[in-house]
Protein backbone atom coordinates (compact mmCIF):
# COMPACT_ATOMS: atom_id res chain seq x y z
CA MET A 1 5.22 -48.40 -41.13
CA LYS A 2 3.62 -45.11 -42.19
CA GLN A 3 1.13 -45.29 -39.33
CA THR A 4 3.96 -45.74 -36.79
CA GLN A 5 5.83 -42.79 -38.31
CA ARG A 6 2.66 -40.70 -38.16
CA LYS A 7 2.10 -41.52 -34.46
CA PHE A 8 5.71 -40.59 -33.71
CA VAL A 9 5.37 -37.24 -35.55
CA VAL A 10 2.08 -36.43 -33.78
CA PHE A 11 3.50 -37.41 -30.38
CA SER A 12 6.71 -35.42 -30.96
CA SER A 13 4.69 -32.39 -32.10
CA LEU A 14 2.48 -32.61 -29.00
CA VAL A 15 5.51 -32.77 -26.70
CA ALA A 16 7.13 -29.83 -28.50
CA VAL A 17 3.96 -27.70 -28.26
CA LEU A 18 3.51 -28.50 -24.55
CA THR A 19 7.18 -27.71 -23.83
CA LEU A 20 6.96 -24.42 -25.71
CA THR A 21 3.71 -23.51 -23.92
CA SER A 22 5.25 -24.28 -20.52
CA ALA A 23 8.30 -22.17 -21.28
CA LEU A 24 6.10 -19.28 -22.41
CA LEU A 25 3.95 -19.48 -19.27
CA LEU A 26 7.05 -19.50 -17.05
CA ALA A 27 8.43 -16.48 -18.87
CA LEU A 28 5.17 -14.55 -18.44
CA ALA A 29 4.57 -15.56 -14.81
CA PRO A 30 4.82 -12.74 -12.26
CA ALA A 31 7.71 -12.78 -9.85
CA PRO A 32 7.03 -14.61 -6.60
CA LEU A 33 5.97 -12.48 -3.66
CA THR A 34 8.78 -11.34 -1.44
CA PRO A 35 8.51 -10.50 2.26
CA ASP A 36 8.44 -6.75 1.45
CA ALA A 37 5.80 -7.11 -1.28
CA THR A 38 2.67 -5.02 -1.17
CA SER A 39 -0.86 -5.53 -2.34
CA SER A 40 -2.92 -2.73 -3.83
CA LEU A 41 -6.44 -1.40 -3.54
CA PHE A 42 -7.12 0.91 -6.43
CA ALA A 43 -10.36 -0.25 -8.00
CA ILE A 44 -12.34 0.09 -4.80
CA ASP A 45 -14.60 3.09 -4.37
CA ALA A 46 -17.23 2.07 -1.86
CA PRO A 47 -16.18 2.56 1.78
CA ASP A 48 -17.71 -0.86 2.64
CA SER A 49 -15.22 -2.57 0.38
CA MET A 50 -12.28 -1.25 2.42
CA ASP A 51 -12.79 -4.22 4.77
CA VAL A 52 -10.37 -6.16 2.56
CA ILE A 53 -7.51 -4.45 4.43
CA PHE A 54 -8.37 -6.56 7.48
CA ARG A 55 -7.70 -9.83 5.65
CA THR A 56 -4.13 -10.11 6.80
CA ALA A 57 -1.71 -13.03 7.21
CA ALA A 58 -1.45 -12.34 10.95
CA PRO A 59 -4.78 -12.00 12.75
CA THR A 60 -5.89 -8.45 13.56
CA LYS A 61 -6.75 -7.76 17.20
CA ALA A 62 -9.23 -5.14 18.34
CA ASP A 63 -6.86 -3.67 20.95
CA ARG A 64 -3.66 -3.79 18.85
CA TRP A 65 -3.88 -0.31 17.28
CA ASN A 66 -4.63 2.95 19.15
CA TYR A 67 -3.28 5.72 16.90
CA ILE A 68 -3.12 6.64 13.22
CA TYR A 69 -0.19 8.66 11.93
CA VAL A 70 -0.28 10.31 8.48
CA HIS A 71 2.81 11.81 6.84
CA GLN A 72 4.14 12.80 3.41
CA SER A 73 6.83 11.00 1.39
CA ARG A 74 8.38 14.36 0.47
CA THR A 75 8.90 13.05 -3.06
CA THR A 76 7.10 14.12 -6.23
CA GLY A 77 6.28 10.49 -7.03
CA GLY A 78 6.90 6.95 -5.96
CA ASN A 79 5.25 3.94 -4.43
CA ALA A 80 5.80 1.32 -1.74
CA LEU A 81 8.59 -0.30 -3.73
CA THR A 82 10.58 2.91 -4.22
CA LEU A 83 10.10 3.86 -0.56
CA SER A 84 11.31 0.41 0.51
CA GLN A 85 14.62 1.11 -1.23
CA ARG A 86 15.44 3.91 1.20
CA PRO A 87 17.79 3.13 4.10
CA GLY A 88 15.73 1.24 6.68
CA GLY A 89 13.16 0.10 4.11
CA LEU A 90 9.43 0.85 4.15
CA GLY A 91 8.36 1.63 7.69
CA ASP A 92 4.71 2.31 6.89
CA HIS A 93 1.60 0.13 6.86
CA PHE A 94 -0.06 1.89 3.92
CA VAL A 95 1.09 4.08 1.02
CA ILE A 96 -1.29 6.21 -1.07
CA GLY A 97 -0.17 6.96 -4.63
CA ASN A 98 -0.50 10.24 -6.54
CA GLY A 99 -0.40 9.01 -10.15
CA ASP A 100 3.40 9.22 -10.49
CA GLY A 101 4.75 5.75 -9.72
CA ALA A 102 1.41 4.43 -8.51
CA ILE A 103 -2.16 4.96 -9.64
CA ASP A 104 -3.69 8.17 -8.26
CA GLY A 105 -5.39 7.20 -5.01
CA GLU A 106 -4.02 3.64 -5.06
CA ILE A 107 -3.74 2.31 -1.54
CA GLN A 108 -0.76 -0.01 -1.25
CA VAL A 109 -0.90 -2.36 1.70
CA ALA A 110 2.63 -3.03 2.98
CA ALA A 111 4.07 -6.21 4.42
CA ARG A 112 4.20 -4.64 7.90
CA TRP A 113 0.42 -4.40 7.91
CA ASP A 114 -0.05 -7.91 6.57
CA ALA A 115 2.15 -9.23 9.39
CA GLN A 116 0.61 -6.76 11.91
CA LEU A 117 4.07 -5.43 12.82
CA ALA A 118 4.78 -2.03 14.35
CA ALA A 119 5.69 0.82 12.02
CA ALA A 120 9.19 2.28 11.84
CA PRO A 121 9.61 6.07 12.12
CA PRO A 122 9.86 7.92 8.79
CA PRO A 123 12.85 10.14 8.04
CA GLY A 124 12.63 13.19 10.27
CA ALA A 125 10.85 11.43 13.16
CA ALA A 126 12.72 10.15 16.20
CA SER A 127 10.21 7.44 17.06
CA ILE A 128 6.68 6.20 16.53
CA ASN A 129 4.38 4.42 18.99
CA ALA A 130 4.30 0.64 18.61
CA ASP A 131 0.49 0.77 18.55
CA CYS A 132 0.34 3.39 15.77
CA ILE A 133 -0.82 2.71 12.19
CA SER A 134 1.43 4.62 9.77
CA ILE A 135 0.15 5.97 6.43
CA CYS A 136 2.46 7.61 3.90
CA VAL A 137 0.88 9.88 1.29
CA ILE A 138 3.09 10.21 -1.79
CA GLY A 139 3.89 13.87 -2.47
CA ASP A 140 5.90 16.87 -1.40
CA PHE A 141 3.30 19.04 0.29
CA GLY A 142 5.82 21.76 0.93
CA ARG A 143 5.46 22.47 -2.81
CA SER A 144 2.03 21.25 -3.90
CA ARG A 145 -1.28 19.85 -2.66
CA PRO A 146 -2.24 16.19 -2.67
CA THR A 147 -4.62 15.16 -5.45
CA PRO A 148 -8.38 15.13 -4.73
CA THR A 149 -8.36 11.35 -5.25
CA GLN A 150 -5.56 10.94 -2.71
CA LEU A 151 -7.52 12.96 -0.16
CA ARG A 152 -10.69 10.94 -0.78
CA ARG A 153 -8.88 7.62 -0.46
CA LEU A 154 -6.97 8.81 2.63
CA SER A 155 -10.26 9.79 4.25
CA GLN A 156 -11.78 6.37 3.39
CA LEU A 157 -8.78 4.54 4.79
CA VAL A 158 -8.51 6.58 7.98
CA THR A 159 -12.23 6.42 8.80
CA THR A 160 -12.31 2.66 8.10
CA LEU A 161 -9.40 2.16 10.51
CA GLN A 162 -11.00 4.50 13.07
CA ALA A 163 -14.26 2.56 12.98
CA ARG A 164 -12.61 -0.86 13.22
CA TYR A 165 -10.22 -0.02 16.07
CA ARG A 166 -12.33 2.68 17.77
CA ILE A 167 -9.66 5.32 17.30
CA PRO A 168 -11.01 8.80 18.13
CA ALA A 169 -10.15 11.83 15.99
CA ASP A 170 -7.77 13.19 18.64
CA ARG A 171 -5.60 10.08 18.14
CA VAL A 172 -5.27 10.64 14.39
CA MET A 173 -1.93 12.44 14.23
CA LEU A 174 -1.71 14.99 11.44
CA VAL A 175 1.52 16.93 11.93
CA PRO A 176 1.55 20.15 9.83
CA SER A 177 5.35 20.57 9.67
CA ASP A 178 7.25 20.67 6.38
CA SER A 179 9.44 17.67 7.20
CA PRO A 180 8.90 14.09 6.01
CA ALA A 181 7.55 13.43 9.49
CA GLY A 182 4.78 15.98 8.89
CA LEU A 183 2.33 16.84 6.13
CA GLY A 184 3.62 20.16 4.79
CA PRO A 185 1.96 23.57 4.50
CA HIS A 186 0.03 22.71 1.32
CA PHE A 187 -1.78 19.75 2.85
CA PRO A 188 -5.43 20.71 3.55
CA LEU A 189 -5.55 19.63 7.21
CA PRO A 190 -8.90 21.29 8.05
CA GLU A 191 -10.55 19.50 5.12
CA LEU A 192 -9.33 16.09 6.29
CA ARG A 193 -10.08 16.77 9.97
CA GLN A 194 -13.72 17.52 9.07
CA GLN A 195 -14.06 14.03 7.56
CA LEU A 196 -12.67 12.13 10.56
CA LEU A 197 -14.95 10.18 12.84
CA PRO A 198 -15.37 11.82 16.27
């Protein structure tokens, strides 16, 4: 009788521990990915490792992209999630953080890039070419400069995209205006232009 009681207690304890463990794992599990979810590249320093951006759900095609467009968020901080909450959602393929809302220099890969969909124009722009890769740099460059890490990561991203899709420097659109569609007067355009591939 005691041995049967002991087996029952051990079995009941095992079931209770497994149930508690399962509940704890479910509570700690990350939320499932949504269609507007982004992935991030922030621990990558070597330019060779940027090739991970080409591992997309939809296949990338060599002739799909012909331009690169870089603009500011015109916010002091933020990330892909906060930008996606604007009317119209996140229209960009990539977002580069400044340390306020995203890690400084973090490259967030948006769902549009993963699906190889055309970008939507940012606030202040009437339209954007369907074959244009859109990159949003978090910051208000009418008031301050981007961080050195942002500039380095932007240069890595742009030159990686240029090399892969054979996009010449004259098709990398860097608009100096102080609107969200441009880069603002405090953005060091000459410094970035020097780093572009010819």
